[in-house]
Amino acid sequence: MRALNRAIRAPLTGLMGAAVFALCAGVGATEGRALFGRTGAVLGTVAGAAAAILCFFKLLLPWRTRAVLPSVLDPAQLSALDHVRRADESLQRIAETYERQERGAVGTAKKPRGPERLR
């Protein structure tokens, strides 16, 4: 979310969005006028503006967000997440070992040389 907010507020994103909007609206107006006259120019401008908005939110903004993402990530936060992941894995192993011991105490006794001792 921070990368998205930073990408939205970046001046380059605004300039690129304005350029896409002008280009799409201009092409829509030109093609609409060529095909249907004055009414087509208005409809083409509206269609071009809609295409520009769609292009901005589906293509341009996600691209800029991915470009800004590395500057938002803090290495300290990533190492903290890594510590949490390691602690979670350790707790999972402890829980599995405890469950195996509980099942072994309730079930049959393990043979000292049998394959059950490895579980």
PDB file of N, CA and C in Angstrom:
ATOM      1  N   MET A   1       0.824  -1.193   0.000  1.00  0.00           N
ATOM      2  CA  MET A   1       0.000   0.000   0.000  1.00  0.00           C
ATOM      3  C   MET A   1       0.864   1.251   0.000  1.00  0.00           C
ATOM      4  N   ARG A   2       1.999   1.194   0.712  1.00  0.00           N
ATOM      5  CA  ARG A   2       2.864   2.373   0.714  1.00  0.00           C
ATOM      6  C   ARG A   2       3.439   2.631  -0.671  1.00  0.00           C
ATOM      7  N   ALA A   3       3.777   1.560  -1.376  1.00  0.00           N
ATOM      8  CA  ALA A   3       4.311   1.727  -2.727  1.00  0.00           C
ATOM      9  C   ALA A   3       3.248   2.306  -3.652  1.00  0.00           C
ATOM     10  N   LEU A   4       2.001   1.854  -3.508  1.00  0.00           N
ATOM     11  CA  LEU A   4       0.914   2.386  -4.325  1.00  0.00           C
ATOM     12  C   LEU A   4       0.685   3.865  -4.027  1.00  0.00           C
ATOM     13  N   ASN A   5       0.682   4.228  -2.757  1.00  0.00           N
ATOM     14  CA  ASN A   5       0.507   5.640  -2.400  1.00  0.00           C
ATOM     15  C   ASN A   5       1.650   6.497  -2.936  1.00  0.00           C
ATOM     16  N   ARG A   6       2.856   5.987  -2.825  1.00  0.00           N
ATOM     17  CA  ARG A   6       3.996   6.754  -3.331  1.00  0.00           C
ATOM     18  C   ARG A   6       3.952   6.877  -4.855  1.00  0.00           C
ATOM     19  N   ALA A   7       3.511   5.808  -5.528  1.00  0.00           N
ATOM     20  CA  ALA A   7       3.413   5.855  -6.993  1.00  0.00           C
ATOM     21  C   ALA A   7       2.331   6.831  -7.442  1.00  0.00           C
ATOM     22  N   ILE A   8       1.213   6.890  -6.721  1.00  0.00           N
ATOM     23  CA  ILE A   8       0.143   7.819  -7.085  1.00  0.00           C
ATOM     24  C   ILE A   8       0.608   9.261  -6.920  1.00  0.00           C
ATOM     25  N   ARG A   9       1.383   9.522  -5.874  1.00  0.00           N
ATOM     26  CA  ARG A   9       1.821  10.892  -5.596  1.00  0.00           C
ATOM     27  C   ARG A   9       3.050  11.319  -6.399  1.00  0.00           C
ATOM     28  N   ALA A  10       3.671  10.405  -7.109  1.00  0.00           N
ATOM     29  CA  ALA A  10       4.881  10.734  -7.864  1.00  0.00           C
ATOM     30  C   ALA A  10       4.535  11.621  -9.063  1.00  0.00           C
ATOM     31  N   PRO A  11       5.309  12.665  -9.296  1.00  0.00           N
ATOM     32  CA  PRO A  11       5.035  13.550 -10.435  1.00  0.00           C
ATOM     33  C   PRO A  11       5.144  12.837 -11.782  1.00  0.00           C
ATOM     34  N   LEU A  12       6.056  11.884 -11.896  1.00  0.00           N
ATOM     35  CA  LEU A  12       6.218  11.171 -13.155  1.00  0.00           C
ATOM     36  C   LEU A  12       4.964  10.377 -13.502  1.00  0.00           C
ATOM     37  N   THR A  13       4.325   9.798 -12.506  1.00  0.00           N
ATOM     38  CA  THR A  13       3.084   9.061 -12.748  1.00  0.00           C
ATOM     39  C   THR A  13       2.001   9.999 -13.256  1.00  0.00           C
ATOM     40  N   GLY A  14       1.899  11.163 -12.664  1.00  0.00           N
ATOM     41  CA  GLY A  14       0.909  12.153 -13.121  1.00  0.00           C
ATOM     42  C   GLY A  14       1.173  12.619 -14.548  1.00  0.00           C
ATOM     43  N   LEU A  15       2.441  12.868 -14.865  1.00  0.00           N
ATOM     44  CA  LEU A  15       2.782  13.282 -16.229  1.00  0.00           C
ATOM     45  C   LEU A  15       2.492  12.180 -17.242  1.00  0.00           C
ATOM     46  N   MET A  16       2.830  10.969 -16.890  1.00  0.00           N
ATOM     47  CA  MET A  16       2.561   9.861 -17.809  1.00  0.00           C
ATOM     48  C   MET A  16       1.057   9.644 -17.973  1.00  0.00           C
ATOM     49  N   GLY A  17       0.303   9.778 -16.876  1.00  0.00           N
ATOM     50  CA  GLY A  17      -1.145   9.648 -16.961  1.00  0.00           C
ATOM     51  C   GLY A  17      -1.758  10.736 -17.828  1.00  0.00           C
ATOM     52  N   ALA A  18      -1.266  11.973 -17.693  1.00  0.00           N
ATOM     53  CA  ALA A  18      -1.774  13.072 -18.522  1.00  0.00           C
ATOM     54  C   ALA A  18      -1.447  12.842 -19.999  1.00  0.00           C
ATOM     55  N   ALA A  19      -0.247  12.335 -20.263  1.00  0.00           N
ATOM     56  CA  ALA A  19       0.129  12.063 -21.650  1.00  0.00           C
ATOM     57  C   ALA A  19      -0.745  10.958 -22.252  1.00  0.00           C
ATOM     58  N   VAL A  20      -1.010   9.913 -21.478  1.00  0.00           N
ATOM     59  CA  VAL A  20      -1.877   8.829 -21.962  1.00  0.00           C
ATOM     60  C   VAL A  20      -3.289   9.346 -22.194  1.00  0.00           C
ATOM     61  N   PHE A  21      -3.775  10.182 -21.281  1.00  0.00           N
ATOM     62  CA  PHE A  21      -5.122  10.724 -21.419  1.00  0.00           C
ATOM     63  C   PHE A  21      -5.229  11.598 -22.671  1.00  0.00           C
ATOM     64  N   ALA A  22      -4.250  12.484 -22.866  1.00  0.00           N
ATOM     65  CA  ALA A  22      -4.273  13.367 -24.040  1.00  0.00           C
ATOM     66  C   ALA A  22      -4.178  12.546 -25.331  1.00  0.00           C
ATOM     67  N   LEU A  23      -3.314  11.556 -25.342  1.00  0.00           N
ATOM     68  CA  LEU A  23      -3.142  10.738 -26.540  1.00  0.00           C
ATOM     69  C   LEU A  23      -4.413   9.962 -26.870  1.00  0.00           C
ATOM     70  N   CYS A  24      -4.989   9.307 -25.881  1.00  0.00           N
ATOM     71  CA  CYS A  24      -6.197   8.501 -26.129  1.00  0.00           C
ATOM     72  C   CYS A  24      -7.390   9.386 -26.507  1.00  0.00           C
ATOM     73  N   ALA A  25      -7.556  10.494 -25.819  1.00  0.00           N
ATOM     74  CA  ALA A  25      -8.673  11.388 -26.144  1.00  0.00           C
ATOM     75  C   ALA A  25      -8.479  11.998 -27.537  1.00  0.00           C
ATOM     76  N   GLY A  26      -7.249  12.352 -27.883  1.00  0.00           N
ATOM     77  CA  GLY A  26      -6.969  12.899 -29.211  1.00  0.00           C
ATOM     78  C   GLY A  26      -7.218  11.904 -30.319  1.00  0.00           C
ATOM     79  N   VAL A  27      -6.767  10.681 -30.124  1.00  0.00           N
ATOM     80  CA  VAL A  27      -6.996   9.645 -31.137  1.00  0.00           C
ATOM     81  C   VAL A  27      -8.492   9.356 -31.258  1.00  0.00           C
ATOM     82  N   GLY A  28      -9.193   9.289 -30.124  1.00  0.00           N
ATOM     83  CA  GLY A  28     -10.637   9.048 -30.164  1.00  0.00           C
ATOM     84  C   GLY A  28     -11.381  10.156 -30.890  1.00  0.00           C
ATOM     85  N   ALA A  29     -10.997  11.411 -30.628  1.00  0.00           N
ATOM     86  CA  ALA A  29     -11.659  12.540 -31.293  1.00  0.00           C
ATOM     87  C   ALA A  29     -11.369  12.533 -32.796  1.00  0.00           C
ATOM     88  N   THR A  30     -10.132  12.271 -33.162  1.00  0.00           N
ATOM     89  CA  THR A  30      -9.763  12.266 -34.577  1.00  0.00           C
ATOM     90  C   THR A  30     -10.475  11.154 -35.337  1.00  0.00           C
ATOM     91  N   GLU A  31     -10.464   9.977 -34.784  1.00  0.00           N
ATOM     92  CA  GLU A  31     -11.116   8.853 -35.457  1.00  0.00           C
ATOM     93  C   GLU A  31     -12.636   9.012 -35.474  1.00  0.00           C
ATOM     94  N   GLY A  32     -13.179   9.520 -34.365  1.00  0.00           N
ATOM     95  CA  GLY A  32     -14.624   9.740 -34.326  1.00  0.00           C
ATOM     96  C   GLY A  32     -15.071  10.768 -35.346  1.00  0.00           C
ATOM     97  N   ARG A  33     -14.306  11.862 -35.490  1.00  0.00           N
ATOM     98  CA  ARG A  33     -14.645  12.899 -36.472  1.00  0.00           C
ATOM     99  C   ARG A  33     -14.529  12.348 -37.888  1.00  0.00           C
ATOM    100  N   ALA A  34     -13.505  11.538 -38.142  1.00  0.00           N
ATOM    101  CA  ALA A  34     -13.321  10.984 -39.481  1.00  0.00           C
ATOM    102  C   ALA A  34     -14.450  10.024 -39.854  1.00  0.00           C
ATOM    103  N   LEU A  35     -14.965   9.312 -38.885  1.00  0.00           N
ATOM    104  CA  LEU A  35     -16.002   8.326 -39.186  1.00  0.00           C
ATOM    105  C   LEU A  35     -17.418   8.903 -39.147  1.00  0.00           C
ATOM    106  N   PHE A  36     -17.727   9.730 -38.127  1.00  0.00           N
ATOM    107  CA  PHE A  36     -19.108  10.149 -37.925  1.00  0.00           C
ATOM    108  C   PHE A  36     -19.301  11.653 -37.786  1.00  0.00           C
ATOM    109  N   GLY A  37     -18.326  12.427 -38.092  1.00  0.00           N
ATOM    110  CA  GLY A  37     -18.484  13.880 -38.040  1.00  0.00           C
ATOM    111  C   GLY A  37     -18.394  14.425 -36.626  1.00  0.00           C
ATOM    112  N   ARG A  38     -19.175  15.490 -36.378  1.00  0.00           N
ATOM    113  CA  ARG A  38     -19.102  16.187 -35.102  1.00  0.00           C
ATOM    114  C   ARG A  38     -19.572  15.307 -33.932  1.00  0.00           C
ATOM    115  N   THR A  39     -20.632  14.568 -34.122  1.00  0.00           N
ATOM    116  CA  THR A  39     -21.127  13.667 -33.075  1.00  0.00           C
ATOM    117  C   THR A  39     -20.115  12.571 -32.790  1.00  0.00           C
ATOM    118  N   GLY A  40     -19.497  12.072 -33.828  1.00  0.00           N
ATOM    119  CA  GLY A  40     -18.468  11.046 -33.653  1.00  0.00           C
ATOM    120  C   GLY A  40     -17.267  11.573 -32.901  1.00  0.00           C
ATOM    121  N   ALA A  41     -16.942  12.860 -33.086  1.00  0.00           N
ATOM    122  CA  ALA A  41     -15.818  13.447 -32.361  1.00  0.00           C
ATOM    123  C   ALA A  41     -16.099  13.465 -30.863  1.00  0.00           C
ATOM    124  N   VAL A  42     -17.311  13.808 -30.494  1.00  0.00           N
ATOM    125  CA  VAL A  42     -17.670  13.831 -29.074  1.00  0.00           C
ATOM    126  C   VAL A  42     -17.648  12.413 -28.508  1.00  0.00           C
ATOM    127  N   LEU A  43     -18.275  11.486 -29.219  1.00  0.00           N
ATOM    128  CA  LEU A  43     -18.290  10.103 -28.751  1.00  0.00           C
ATOM    129  C   LEU A  43     -16.890   9.488 -28.735  1.00  0.00           C
ATOM    130  N   GLY A  44     -16.090   9.824 -29.723  1.00  0.00           N
ATOM    131  CA  GLY A  44     -14.707   9.330 -29.757  1.00  0.00           C
ATOM    132  C   GLY A  44     -13.872   9.880 -28.622  1.00  0.00           C
ATOM    133  N   THR A  45     -14.101  11.145 -28.273  1.00  0.00           N
ATOM    134  CA  THR A  45     -13.382  11.736 -27.141  1.00  0.00           C
ATOM    135  C   THR A  45     -13.760  11.037 -25.841  1.00  0.00           C
ATOM    136  N   VAL A  46     -15.047  10.773 -25.665  1.00  0.00           N
ATOM    137  CA  VAL A  46     -15.502  10.069 -24.462  1.00  0.00           C
ATOM    138  C   VAL A  46     -14.922   8.658 -24.426  1.00  0.00           C
ATOM    139  N   ALA A  47     -14.944   7.960 -25.540  1.00  0.00           N
ATOM    140  CA  ALA A  47     -14.387   6.609 -25.591  1.00  0.00           C
ATOM    141  C   ALA A  47     -12.872   6.622 -25.359  1.00  0.00           C
ATOM    142  N   GLY A  48     -12.203   7.608 -25.923  1.00  0.00           N
ATOM    143  CA  GLY A  48     -10.759   7.723 -25.707  1.00  0.00           C
ATOM    144  C   GLY A  48     -10.427   8.024 -24.256  1.00  0.00           C
ATOM    145  N   ALA A  49     -11.230   8.878 -23.615  1.00  0.00           N
ATOM    146  CA  ALA A  49     -11.002   9.180 -22.199  1.00  0.00           C
ATOM    147  C   ALA A  49     -11.232   7.940 -21.341  1.00  0.00           C
ATOM    148  N   ALA A  50     -12.269   7.172 -21.671  1.00  0.00           N
ATOM    149  CA  ALA A  50     -12.520   5.935 -20.924  1.00  0.00           C
ATOM    150  C   ALA A  50     -11.378   4.941 -21.116  1.00  0.00           C
ATOM    151  N   ALA A  51     -10.877   4.841 -22.322  1.00  0.00           N
ATOM    152  CA  ALA A  51      -9.745   3.953 -22.582  1.00  0.00           C
ATOM    153  C   ALA A  51      -8.495   4.429 -21.840  1.00  0.00           C
ATOM    154  N   ALA A  52      -8.307   5.739 -21.749  1.00  0.00           N
ATOM    155  CA  ALA A  52      -7.153   6.278 -21.034  1.00  0.00           C
ATOM    156  C   ALA A  52      -7.239   5.972 -19.541  1.00  0.00           C
ATOM    157  N   ILE A  53      -8.415   6.113 -18.971  1.00  0.00           N
ATOM    158  CA  ILE A  53      -8.589   5.813 -17.547  1.00  0.00           C
ATOM    159  C   ILE A  53      -8.343   4.331 -17.289  1.00  0.00           C
ATOM    160  N   LEU A  54      -8.871   3.487 -18.140  1.00  0.00           N
ATOM    161  CA  LEU A  54      -8.657   2.049 -18.014  1.00  0.00           C
ATOM    162  C   LEU A  54      -7.171   1.718 -18.140  1.00  0.00           C
ATOM    163  N   CYS A  55      -6.510   2.313 -19.103  1.00  0.00           N
ATOM    164  CA  CYS A  55      -5.079   2.082 -19.313  1.00  0.00           C
ATOM    165  C   CYS A  55      -4.263   2.560 -18.108  1.00  0.00           C
ATOM    166  N   PHE A  56      -4.655   3.693 -17.542  1.00  0.00           N
ATOM    167  CA  PHE A  56      -3.924   4.228 -16.397  1.00  0.00           C
ATOM    168  C   PHE A  56      -4.012   3.289 -15.198  1.00  0.00           C
ATOM    169  N   PHE A  57      -5.231   2.846 -14.869  1.00  0.00           N
ATOM    170  CA  PHE A  57      -5.400   2.047 -13.661  1.00  0.00           C
ATOM    171  C   PHE A  57      -5.027   0.575 -13.842  1.00  0.00           C
ATOM    172  N   LYS A  58      -5.077   0.061 -15.044  1.00  0.00           N
ATOM    173  CA  LYS A  58      -4.748  -1.347 -15.269  1.00  0.00           C
ATOM    174  C   LYS A  58      -3.301  -1.569 -15.686  1.00  0.00           C
ATOM    175  N   LEU A  59      -2.683  -0.599 -16.335  1.00  0.00           N
ATOM    176  CA  LEU A  59      -1.322  -0.785 -16.839  1.00  0.00           C
ATOM    177  C   LEU A  59      -0.301   0.142 -16.189  1.00  0.00           C
ATOM    178  N   LEU A  60      -0.546   1.427 -16.273  1.00  0.00           N
ATOM    179  CA  LEU A  60       0.454   2.408 -15.872  1.00  0.00           C
ATOM    180  C   LEU A  60       0.681   2.436 -14.365  1.00  0.00           C
ATOM    181  N   LEU A  61      -0.385   2.504 -13.588  1.00  0.00           N
ATOM    182  CA  LEU A  61      -0.235   2.588 -12.139  1.00  0.00           C
ATOM    183  C   LEU A  61       0.388   1.328 -11.532  1.00  0.00           C
ATOM    184  N   PRO A  62      -0.027   0.113 -11.916  1.00  0.00           N
ATOM    185  CA  PRO A  62       0.678  -1.063 -11.381  1.00  0.00           C
ATOM    186  C   PRO A  62       2.155  -1.124 -11.786  1.00  0.00           C
ATOM    187  N   TRP A  63       2.456  -0.683 -12.994  1.00  0.00           N
ATOM    188  CA  TRP A  63       3.848  -0.671 -13.442  1.00  0.00           C
ATOM    189  C   TRP A  63       4.679   0.284 -12.596  1.00  0.00           C
ATOM    190  N   ARG A  64       4.148   1.475 -12.340  1.00  0.00           N
ATOM    191  CA  ARG A  64       4.861   2.453 -11.514  1.00  0.00           C
ATOM    192  C   ARG A  64       4.959   1.971 -10.062  1.00  0.00           C
ATOM    193  N   THR A  65       3.950   1.272  -9.578  1.00  0.00           N
ATOM    194  CA  THR A  65       3.994   0.753  -8.214  1.00  0.00           C
ATOM    195  C   THR A  65       5.101  -0.284  -8.071  1.00  0.00           C
ATOM    196  N   ARG A  66       5.221  -1.170  -9.052  1.00  0.00           N
ATOM    197  CA  ARG A  66       6.305  -2.153  -9.015  1.00  0.00           C
ATOM    198  C   ARG A  66       7.671  -1.483  -9.124  1.00  0.00           C
ATOM    199  N   ALA A  67       7.747  -0.378  -9.824  1.00  0.00           N
ATOM    200  CA  ALA A  67       9.021   0.333  -9.945  1.00  0.00           C
ATOM    201  C   ALA A  67       9.402   1.024  -8.633  1.00  0.00           C
ATOM    202  N   VAL A  68       8.419   1.460  -7.861  1.00  0.00           N
ATOM    203  CA  VAL A  68       8.671   2.173  -6.614  1.00  0.00           C
ATOM    204  C   VAL A  68       8.873   1.209  -5.447  1.00  0.00           C
ATOM    205  N   LEU A  69       8.403  -0.015  -5.563  1.00  0.00           N
ATOM    206  CA  LEU A  69       8.396  -0.973  -4.463  1.00  0.00           C
ATOM    207  C   LEU A  69       9.760  -1.179  -3.799  1.00  0.00           C
ATOM    208  N   PRO A  70      10.861  -1.348  -4.511  1.00  0.00           N
ATOM    209  CA  PRO A  70      12.146  -1.565  -3.820  1.00  0.00           C
ATOM    210  C   PRO A  70      12.551  -0.409  -2.913  1.00  0.00           C
ATOM    211  N   SER A  71      12.172   0.804  -3.243  1.00  0.00           N
ATOM    212  CA  SER A  71      12.537   1.932  -2.388  1.00  0.00           C
ATOM    213  C   SER A  71      11.691   1.991  -1.130  1.00  0.00           C
ATOM    214  N   VAL A  72      10.559   1.308  -1.113  1.00  0.00           N
ATOM    215  CA  VAL A  72       9.676   1.318   0.048  1.00  0.00           C
ATOM    216  C   VAL A  72      10.059   0.235   1.047  1.00  0.00           C
ATOM    217  N   LEU A  73      10.577  -0.883   0.550  1.00  0.00           N
ATOM    218  CA  LEU A  73      10.908  -1.998   1.426  1.00  0.00           C
ATOM    219  C   LEU A  73      12.103  -1.654   2.298  1.00  0.00           C
ATOM    220  N   ASP A  74      11.961  -1.901   3.569  1.00  0.00           N
ATOM    221  CA  ASP A  74      13.016  -1.633   4.528  1.00  0.00           C
ATOM    222  C   ASP A  74      13.694  -2.957   4.890  1.00  0.00           C
ATOM    223  N   PRO A  75      14.997  -3.058   4.740  1.00  0.00           N
ATOM    224  CA  PRO A  75      15.677  -4.324   5.060  1.00  0.00           C
ATOM    225  C   PRO A  75      15.466  -4.758   6.505  1.00  0.00           C
ATOM    226  N   ALA A  76      15.341  -3.809   7.443  1.00  0.00           N
ATOM    227  CA  ALA A  76      15.111  -4.163   8.841  1.00  0.00           C
ATOM    228  C   ALA A  76      13.766  -4.865   9.010  1.00  0.00           C
ATOM    229  N   GLN A  77      12.753  -4.400   8.291  1.00  0.00           N
ATOM    230  CA  GLN A  77      11.443  -5.039   8.373  1.00  0.00           C
ATOM    231  C   GLN A  77      11.490  -6.436   7.770  1.00  0.00           C
ATOM    232  N   LEU A  78      12.239  -6.600   6.690  1.00  0.00           N
ATOM    233  CA  LEU A  78      12.345  -7.920   6.081  1.00  0.00           C
ATOM    234  C   LEU A  78      13.047  -8.901   7.007  1.00  0.00           C
ATOM    235  N   SER A  79      14.082  -8.449   7.737  1.00  0.00           N
ATOM    236  CA  SER A  79      14.762  -9.350   8.656  1.00  0.00           C
ATOM    237  C   SER A  79      13.852  -9.696   9.831  1.00  0.00           C
ATOM    238  N   ALA A  80      13.015  -8.750  10.267  1.00  0.00           N
ATOM    239  CA  ALA A  80      12.066  -9.054  11.342  1.00  0.00           C
ATOM    240  C   ALA A  80      11.066 -10.110  10.880  1.00  0.00           C
ATOM    241  N   LEU A  81      10.593 -10.000   9.651  1.00  0.00           N
ATOM    242  CA  LEU A  81       9.684 -11.011   9.121  1.00  0.00           C
ATOM    243  C   LEU A  81      10.373 -12.360   9.008  1.00  0.00           C
ATOM    244  N   ASP A  82      11.646 -12.368   8.680  1.00  0.00           N
ATOM    245  CA  ASP A  82      12.394 -13.609   8.598  1.00  0.00           C
ATOM    246  C   ASP A  82      12.508 -14.258   9.969  1.00  0.00           C
ATOM    247  N   HIS A  83      12.721 -13.448  11.019  1.00  0.00           N
ATOM    248  CA  HIS A  83      12.774 -13.985  12.380  1.00  0.00           C
ATOM    249  C   HIS A  83      11.431 -14.585  12.782  1.00  0.00           C
ATOM    250  N   VAL A  84      10.358 -13.941  12.412  1.00  0.00           N
ATOM    251  CA  VAL A  84       9.018 -14.460  12.725  1.00  0.00           C
ATOM    252  C   VAL A  84       8.792 -15.782  11.996  1.00  0.00           C
ATOM    253  N   ARG A  85       9.210 -15.855  10.738  1.00  0.00           N
ATOM    254  CA  ARG A  85       9.047 -17.090   9.983  1.00  0.00           C
ATOM    255  C   ARG A  85       9.838 -18.229  10.610  1.00  0.00           C
ATOM    256  N   ARG A  86      11.076 -17.957  11.016  1.00  0.00           N
ATOM    257  CA  ARG A  86      11.896 -18.994  11.651  1.00  0.00           C
ATOM    258  C   ARG A  86      11.287 -19.450  12.976  1.00  0.00           C
ATOM    259  N   ALA A  87      10.789 -18.509  13.763  1.00  0.00           N
ATOM    260  CA  ALA A  87      10.159 -18.862  15.037  1.00  0.00           C
ATOM    261  C   ALA A  87       8.918 -19.716  14.807  1.00  0.00           C
ATOM    262  N   ASP A  88       8.137 -19.376  13.779  1.00  0.00           N
ATOM    263  CA  ASP A  88       6.948 -20.160  13.473  1.00  0.00           C
ATOM    264  C   ASP A  88       7.324 -21.582  13.068  1.00  0.00           C
ATOM    265  N   GLU A  89       8.340 -21.735  12.239  1.00  0.00           N
ATOM    266  CA  GLU A  89       8.786 -23.073  11.843  1.00  0.00           C
ATOM    267  C   GLU A  89       9.270 -23.873  13.051  1.00  0.00           C
ATOM    268  N   SER A  90       9.985 -23.215  13.953  1.00  0.00           N
ATOM    269  CA  SER A  90      10.471 -23.892  15.150  1.00  0.00           C
ATOM    270  C   SER A  90       9.312 -24.348  16.029  1.00  0.00           C
ATOM    271  N   LEU A  91       8.319 -23.496  16.199  1.00  0.00           N
ATOM    272  CA  LEU A  91       7.149 -23.879  16.997  1.00  0.00           C
ATOM    273  C   LEU A  91       6.372 -25.023  16.348  1.00  0.00           C
ATOM    274  N   GLN A  92       6.301 -25.030  15.030  1.00  0.00           N
ATOM    275  CA  GLN A  92       5.622 -26.127  14.332  1.00  0.00           C
ATOM    276  C   GLN A  92       6.350 -27.452  14.578  1.00  0.00           C
ATOM    277  N   ARG A  93       7.680 -27.421  14.526  1.00  0.00           N
ATOM    278  CA  ARG A  93       8.454 -28.644  14.788  1.00  0.00           C
ATOM    279  C   ARG A  93       8.262 -29.122  16.220  1.00  0.00           C
ATOM    280  N   ILE A  94       8.245 -28.207  17.177  1.00  0.00           N
ATOM    281  CA  ILE A  94       8.043 -28.574  18.579  1.00  0.00           C
ATOM    282  C   ILE A  94       6.667 -29.200  18.761  1.00  0.00           C
ATOM    283  N   ALA A  95       5.639 -28.586  18.136  1.00  0.00           N
ATOM    284  CA  ALA A  95       4.280 -29.119  18.262  1.00  0.00           C
ATOM    285  C   ALA A  95       4.173 -30.511  17.651  1.00  0.00           C
ATOM    286  N   GLU A  96       4.809 -30.720  16.496  1.00  0.00           N
ATOM    287  CA  GLU A  96       4.780 -32.040  15.875  1.00  0.00           C
ATOM    288  C   GLU A  96       5.486 -33.082  16.738  1.00  0.00           C
ATOM    289  N   THR A  97       6.601 -32.720  17.330  1.00  0.00           N
ATOM    290  CA  THR A  97       7.323 -33.641  18.216  1.00  0.00           C
ATOM    291  C   THR A  97       6.478 -33.981  19.434  1.00  0.00           C
ATOM    292  N   TYR A  98       5.843 -33.002  20.013  1.00  0.00           N
ATOM    293  CA  TYR A  98       4.987 -33.232  21.179  1.00  0.00           C
ATOM    294  C   TYR A  98       3.815 -34.139  20.830  1.00  0.00           C
ATOM    295  N   GLU A  99       3.194 -33.913  19.675  1.00  0.00           N
ATOM    296  CA  GLU A  99       2.082 -34.767  19.256  1.00  0.00           C
ATOM    297  C   GLU A  99       2.532 -36.203  19.035  1.00  0.00           C
ATOM    298  N   ARG A 100       3.702 -36.381  18.453  1.00  0.00           N
ATOM    299  CA  ARG A 100       4.222 -37.731  18.251  1.00  0.00           C
ATOM    300  C   ARG A 100       4.482 -38.421  19.581  1.00  0.00           C
ATOM    301  N   GLN A 101       5.008 -37.687  20.555  1.00  0.00           N
ATOM    302  CA  GLN A 101       5.254 -38.270  21.869  1.00  0.00           C
ATOM    303  C   GLN A 101       3.944 -38.653  22.541  1.00  0.00           C
ATOM    304  N   GLU A 102       2.925 -37.819  22.395  1.00  0.00           N
ATOM    305  CA  GLU A 102       1.621 -38.113  22.988  1.00  0.00           C
ATOM    306  C   GLU A 102       1.005 -39.352  22.348  1.00  0.00           C
ATOM    307  N   ARG A 103       1.081 -39.467  21.052  1.00  0.00           N
ATOM    308  CA  ARG A 103       0.546 -40.639  20.360  1.00  0.00           C
ATOM    309  C   ARG A 103       1.319 -41.892  20.753  1.00  0.00           C
ATOM    310  N   GLY A 104       2.617 -41.772  20.929  1.00  0.00           N
ATOM    311  CA  GLY A 104       3.440 -42.910  21.325  1.00  0.00           C
ATOM    312  C   GLY A 104       3.108 -43.378  22.723  1.00  0.00           C
ATOM    313  N   ALA A 105       2.805 -42.449  23.637  1.00  0.00           N
ATOM    314  CA  ALA A 105       2.478 -42.825  25.014  1.00  0.00           C
ATOM    315  C   ALA A 105       1.110 -43.473  25.085  1.00  0.00           C
ATOM    316  N   VAL A 106       0.179 -43.049  24.268  1.00  0.00           N
ATOM    317  CA  VAL A 106      -1.166 -43.596  24.276  1.00  0.00           C
ATOM    318  C   VAL A 106      -1.219 -44.901  23.504  1.00  0.00           C
ATOM    319  N   GLY A 107      -0.486 -45.000  22.411  1.00  0.00           N
ATOM    320  CA  GLY A 107      -0.525 -46.184  21.545  1.00  0.00           C
ATOM    321  C   GLY A 107       0.347 -47.299  22.094  1.00  0.00           C
ATOM    322  N   THR A 108       0.755 -48.152  21.196  1.00  0.00           N
ATOM    323  CA  THR A 108       1.579 -49.291  21.594  1.00  0.00           C
ATOM    324  C   THR A 108       2.994 -48.822  21.889  1.00  0.00           C
ATOM    325  N   ALA A 109       3.700 -49.600  22.665  1.00  0.00           N
ATOM    326  CA  ALA A 109       5.081 -49.273  22.995  1.00  0.00           C
ATOM    327  C   ALA A 109       5.955 -49.474  21.762  1.00  0.00           C
ATOM    328  N   LYS A 110       6.947 -48.647  21.631  1.00  0.00           N
ATOM    329  CA  LYS A 110       7.844 -48.733  20.478  1.00  0.00           C
ATOM    330  C   LYS A 110       8.907 -49.790  20.740  1.00  0.00           C
ATOM    331  N   LYS A 111       9.228 -50.519  19.712  1.00  0.00           N
ATOM    332  CA  LYS A 111      10.287 -51.508  19.814  1.00  0.00           C
ATOM    333  C   LYS A 111      11.615 -50.797  19.651  1.00  0.00           C
ATOM    334  N   PRO A 112      12.617 -51.151  20.442  1.00  0.00           N
ATOM    335  CA  PRO A 112      13.893 -50.438  20.355  1.00  0.00           C
ATOM    336  C   PRO A 112      14.609 -50.612  19.027  1.00  0.00           C
ATOM    337  N   ARG A 113      14.358 -51.703  18.310  1.00  0.00           N
ATOM    338  CA  ARG A 113      15.017 -51.921  17.026  1.00  0.00           C
ATOM    339  C   ARG A 113      14.050 -51.820  15.851  1.00  0.00           C
ATOM    340  N   GLY A 114      12.787 -51.580  16.079  1.00  0.00           N
ATOM    341  CA  GLY A 114      11.802 -51.556  15.017  1.00  0.00           C
ATOM    342  C   GLY A 114      11.742 -50.200  14.296  1.00  0.00           C
ATOM    343  N   PRO A 115      11.084 -50.184  13.141  1.00  0.00           N
ATOM    344  CA  PRO A 115      11.003 -48.925  12.371  1.00  0.00           C
ATOM    345  C   PRO A 115      10.111 -47.881  13.073  1.00  0.00           C
ATOM    346  N   GLU A 116       9.337 -48.298  14.081  1.00  0.00           N
ATOM    347  CA  GLU A 116       8.477 -47.345  14.768  1.00  0.00           C
ATOM    348  C   GLU A 116       9.285 -46.331  15.573  1.00  0.00           C
ATOM    349  N   ARG A 117      10.511 -46.703  15.929  1.00  0.00           N
ATOM    350  CA  ARG A 117      11.324 -45.794  16.749  1.00  0.00           C
ATOM    351  C   ARG A 117      11.727 -44.540  16.004  1.00  0.00           C
ATOM    352  N   LEU A 118      11.642 -44.559  14.665  1.00  0.00           N
ATOM    353  CA  LEU A 118      12.032 -43.400  13.868  1.00  0.00           C
ATOM    354  C   LEU A 118      10.921 -42.375  13.719  1.00  0.00           C
ATOM    355  N   ARG A 119       9.746 -42.712  14.170  1.00  0.00           N
ATOM    356  CA  ARG A 119       8.624 -41.778  14.035  1.00  0.00           C
ATOM    357  C   ARG A 119       8.549 -40.837  15.176  1.00  0.00           C
TER     358      ARG A 119
END
